[in-house]
Amino acid sequence: MNADLEATLDELGPGYRAVVGRLCAAATVEPRAERLRGQAPWRQGPALWWPRAGYLVAASLFAAIALSIFLQPTRPAAIPAAARVYTVAYAPDEAALKELVASQRADGSWDNDFLTRQNAAALRGVAVARVPYRKAVRYLKAKGLSPLTDAELRARGAFAAQYR
């Protein structure tokens, strides 16, 4: 300690000098890891070997997840129902149009604006789907959007066909 701190301790009294003495003594305790150097890691206590085990567990989990990703089949046998919602607009047959009309919400939208723009473009020009098309266009105009153009719809269909 410097002279200023010594003078402050003299002014405070003898009780404070004992507290400062205990605090200074605590800083000089030798670390436990140095006393146990050379012993096996499991004998040093869990505080010293546990972080290494944590790294091993994390690395094995990462390897398991990476293997599960890389070992998945690249092309599924059939398109799942959740993905079919996004590709039904590319099939111009009557069953696909019925499915589009049946999945339309009361406000004229589908699950999201991406699907609404796409499905509205698929319904454009179909005589039996005039009312659902107009509901979809009304919904899109309220949100400041418009249906896809025919070229955009064809481009999305071509892109989706690459991954079937």
Protein backbone atom coordinates (compact mmCIF):
# COMPACT_ATOMS: atom_id res chain seq x y z
CA MET A 1 0.00 0.00 0.00
CA ASN A 2 1.11 3.55 -0.51
CA ALA A 3 1.53 6.25 2.14
CA ASP A 4 -1.84 7.85 1.37
CA LEU A 5 -3.70 4.59 2.02
CA GLU A 6 -1.71 4.00 5.21
CA ALA A 7 -2.68 7.47 6.47
CA THR A 8 -6.34 6.78 5.66
CA LEU A 9 -6.22 3.51 7.59
CA ASP A 10 -4.64 5.26 10.59
CA GLU A 11 -7.53 7.77 10.60
CA LEU A 12 -10.20 5.05 10.35
CA GLY A 13 -8.96 3.02 13.30
CA PRO A 14 -7.58 -0.42 14.10
CA GLY A 15 -10.71 -2.35 13.08
CA TYR A 16 -10.35 -1.29 9.45
CA ARG A 17 -6.67 -2.29 9.36
CA ALA A 18 -7.70 -5.88 10.25
CA VAL A 19 -10.24 -5.95 7.40
CA VAL A 20 -7.69 -4.67 4.90
CA GLY A 21 -5.18 -7.24 6.20
CA ARG A 22 -7.66 -10.07 5.54
CA LEU A 23 -8.40 -8.72 2.06
CA CYS A 24 -4.73 -8.48 1.17
CA ALA A 25 -4.06 -11.99 2.50
CA ALA A 26 -6.81 -13.43 0.30
CA ALA A 27 -5.05 -12.19 -2.82
CA THR A 28 -1.92 -14.19 -2.02
CA VAL A 29 -3.52 -17.67 -1.87
CA GLU A 30 -2.02 -19.99 -4.46
CA PRO A 31 -4.37 -21.37 -7.09
CA ARG A 32 -5.52 -24.96 -6.74
CA ALA A 33 -4.58 -25.90 -10.33
CA GLU A 34 -0.89 -25.28 -9.63
CA ARG A 35 -0.93 -27.56 -6.59
CA LEU A 36 -2.52 -30.36 -8.63
CA ARG A 37 -0.34 -30.02 -11.71
CA GLY A 38 0.85 -33.40 -12.88
CA GLN A 39 -2.20 -35.32 -11.65
CA ALA A 40 -4.76 -36.92 -13.91
CA PRO A 41 -7.56 -34.54 -15.05
CA TRP A 42 -10.33 -36.50 -13.33
CA ARG A 43 -8.48 -36.16 -10.01
CA GLN A 44 -8.30 -32.39 -10.29
CA GLY A 45 -12.02 -32.00 -9.79
CA PRO A 46 -14.92 -31.40 -12.15
CA ALA A 47 -14.19 -27.70 -12.50
CA LEU A 48 -11.03 -28.47 -14.49
CA TRP A 49 -12.02 -31.37 -16.76
CA TRP A 50 -15.66 -30.49 -17.38
CA PRO A 51 -15.02 -27.77 -20.02
CA ARG A 52 -13.06 -30.30 -22.06
CA ALA A 53 -15.94 -32.75 -21.86
CA GLY A 54 -18.29 -29.97 -22.93
CA TYR A 55 -16.22 -29.38 -26.05
CA LEU A 56 -16.32 -33.08 -26.87
CA VAL A 57 -20.09 -33.22 -26.43
CA ALA A 58 -20.55 -30.11 -28.59
CA ALA A 59 -18.27 -31.52 -31.31
CA SER A 60 -20.12 -34.85 -31.35
CA LEU A 61 -23.50 -33.10 -31.58
CA PHE A 62 -22.21 -31.00 -34.46
CA ALA A 63 -20.95 -34.11 -36.24
CA ALA A 64 -24.28 -35.91 -35.73
CA ILE A 65 -26.26 -32.96 -37.12
CA ALA A 66 -23.90 -32.56 -40.07
CA LEU A 67 -24.16 -36.26 -40.90
CA SER A 68 -27.94 -36.17 -40.68
CA ILE A 69 -28.02 -33.26 -43.11
CA PHE A 70 -25.61 -34.82 -45.60
CA LEU A 71 -27.17 -38.28 -45.48
CA GLN A 72 -30.68 -37.13 -46.32
CA PRO A 73 -31.95 -38.16 -49.74
CA THR A 74 -31.48 -35.41 -52.28
CA ARG A 75 -34.78 -35.89 -54.08
CA PRO A 76 -37.85 -37.05 -52.19
CA ALA A 77 -40.15 -39.54 -53.86
CA ALA A 78 -43.20 -37.30 -53.56
CA ILE A 79 -43.73 -33.63 -52.82
CA PRO A 80 -45.00 -33.25 -49.24
CA ALA A 81 -48.35 -31.55 -48.70
CA ALA A 82 -46.72 -28.48 -47.14
CA ALA A 83 -44.59 -27.94 -50.25
CA ARG A 84 -47.46 -28.74 -52.62
CA VAL A 85 -49.16 -25.50 -51.62
CA TYR A 86 -46.30 -23.63 -53.27
CA THR A 87 -46.27 -25.65 -56.49
CA VAL A 88 -49.96 -26.26 -57.21
CA ALA A 89 -50.20 -22.98 -59.15
CA TYR A 90 -47.75 -24.28 -61.77
CA ALA A 91 -50.00 -27.16 -62.79
CA PRO A 92 -52.70 -25.73 -65.11
CA ASP A 93 -55.07 -28.70 -64.85
CA GLU A 94 -58.60 -28.49 -63.47
CA ALA A 95 -57.83 -30.39 -60.24
CA ALA A 96 -55.09 -27.93 -59.36
CA LEU A 97 -57.41 -24.98 -59.96
CA LYS A 98 -60.06 -26.54 -57.72
CA GLU A 99 -57.43 -27.03 -55.03
CA LEU A 100 -56.39 -23.38 -55.34
CA VAL A 101 -59.94 -22.12 -55.03
CA ALA A 102 -60.66 -24.44 -52.09
CA SER A 103 -57.57 -23.28 -50.15
CA GLN A 104 -58.34 -19.56 -50.60
CA ARG A 105 -59.28 -17.68 -47.44
CA ALA A 106 -62.43 -15.60 -47.08
CA ASP A 107 -60.52 -12.32 -47.50
CA GLY A 108 -59.14 -13.48 -50.87
CA SER A 109 -55.64 -14.38 -49.66
CA TRP A 110 -53.71 -17.59 -49.15
CA ASP A 111 -51.15 -18.37 -46.42
CA ASN A 112 -48.88 -15.42 -47.32
CA ASP A 113 -48.46 -12.69 -49.91
CA PHE A 114 -45.99 -14.78 -51.93
CA LEU A 115 -48.68 -17.43 -52.47
CA THR A 116 -51.43 -14.88 -52.99
CA ARG A 117 -49.57 -13.16 -55.84
CA GLN A 118 -48.67 -16.50 -57.41
CA ASN A 119 -52.11 -18.10 -57.08
CA ALA A 120 -53.91 -15.00 -58.32
CA ALA A 121 -51.74 -15.11 -61.43
CA ALA A 122 -52.59 -18.80 -61.89
CA LEU A 123 -56.34 -18.04 -61.66
CA ARG A 124 -56.16 -15.16 -64.15
CA GLY A 125 -58.08 -15.89 -67.33
CA VAL A 126 -59.90 -18.97 -65.99
CA ALA A 127 -63.62 -18.51 -66.47
CA VAL A 128 -64.77 -20.66 -63.55
CA ALA A 129 -62.40 -18.87 -61.16
CA ARG A 130 -63.41 -15.27 -61.91
CA VAL A 131 -64.78 -14.57 -58.44
CA PRO A 132 -61.78 -16.02 -56.52
CA TYR A 133 -59.43 -14.13 -58.86
CA ARG A 134 -61.21 -10.83 -58.22
CA LYS A 135 -61.15 -11.44 -54.43
CA ALA A 136 -57.41 -12.11 -54.62
CA VAL A 137 -56.78 -8.97 -56.68
CA ARG A 138 -58.85 -6.90 -54.24
CA TYR A 139 -56.79 -8.26 -51.33
CA LEU A 140 -53.50 -7.56 -53.14
CA LYS A 141 -54.52 -4.01 -54.09
CA ALA A 142 -55.37 -3.30 -50.45
CA LYS A 143 -51.80 -4.28 -49.57
CA GLY A 144 -50.24 -2.33 -52.46
CA LEU A 145 -49.36 -5.47 -54.44
CA SER A 146 -50.41 -7.00 -57.73
CA PRO A 147 -50.54 -10.54 -59.12
CA LEU A 148 -47.46 -11.93 -60.85
CA THR A 149 -47.15 -11.41 -64.56
CA ASP A 150 -47.39 -14.44 -66.82
CA ALA A 151 -43.62 -14.32 -67.42
CA GLU A 152 -42.90 -14.28 -63.67
CA LEU A 153 -45.25 -17.20 -63.09
CA ARG A 154 -43.58 -19.20 -65.89
CA ALA A 155 -40.14 -18.41 -64.47
CA ARG A 156 -41.16 -19.63 -61.02
CA GLY A 157 -42.65 -22.77 -62.54
CA ALA A 158 -39.45 -23.48 -64.48
CA PHE A 159 -37.37 -22.96 -61.36
CA ALA A 160 -39.59 -25.30 -59.33
CA ALA A 161 -39.44 -27.93 -62.08
CA GLN A 162 -35.66 -28.13 -61.69
CA TYR A 163 -36.04 -29.40 -58.12
CA ARG A 164 -38.74 -32.03 -58.60
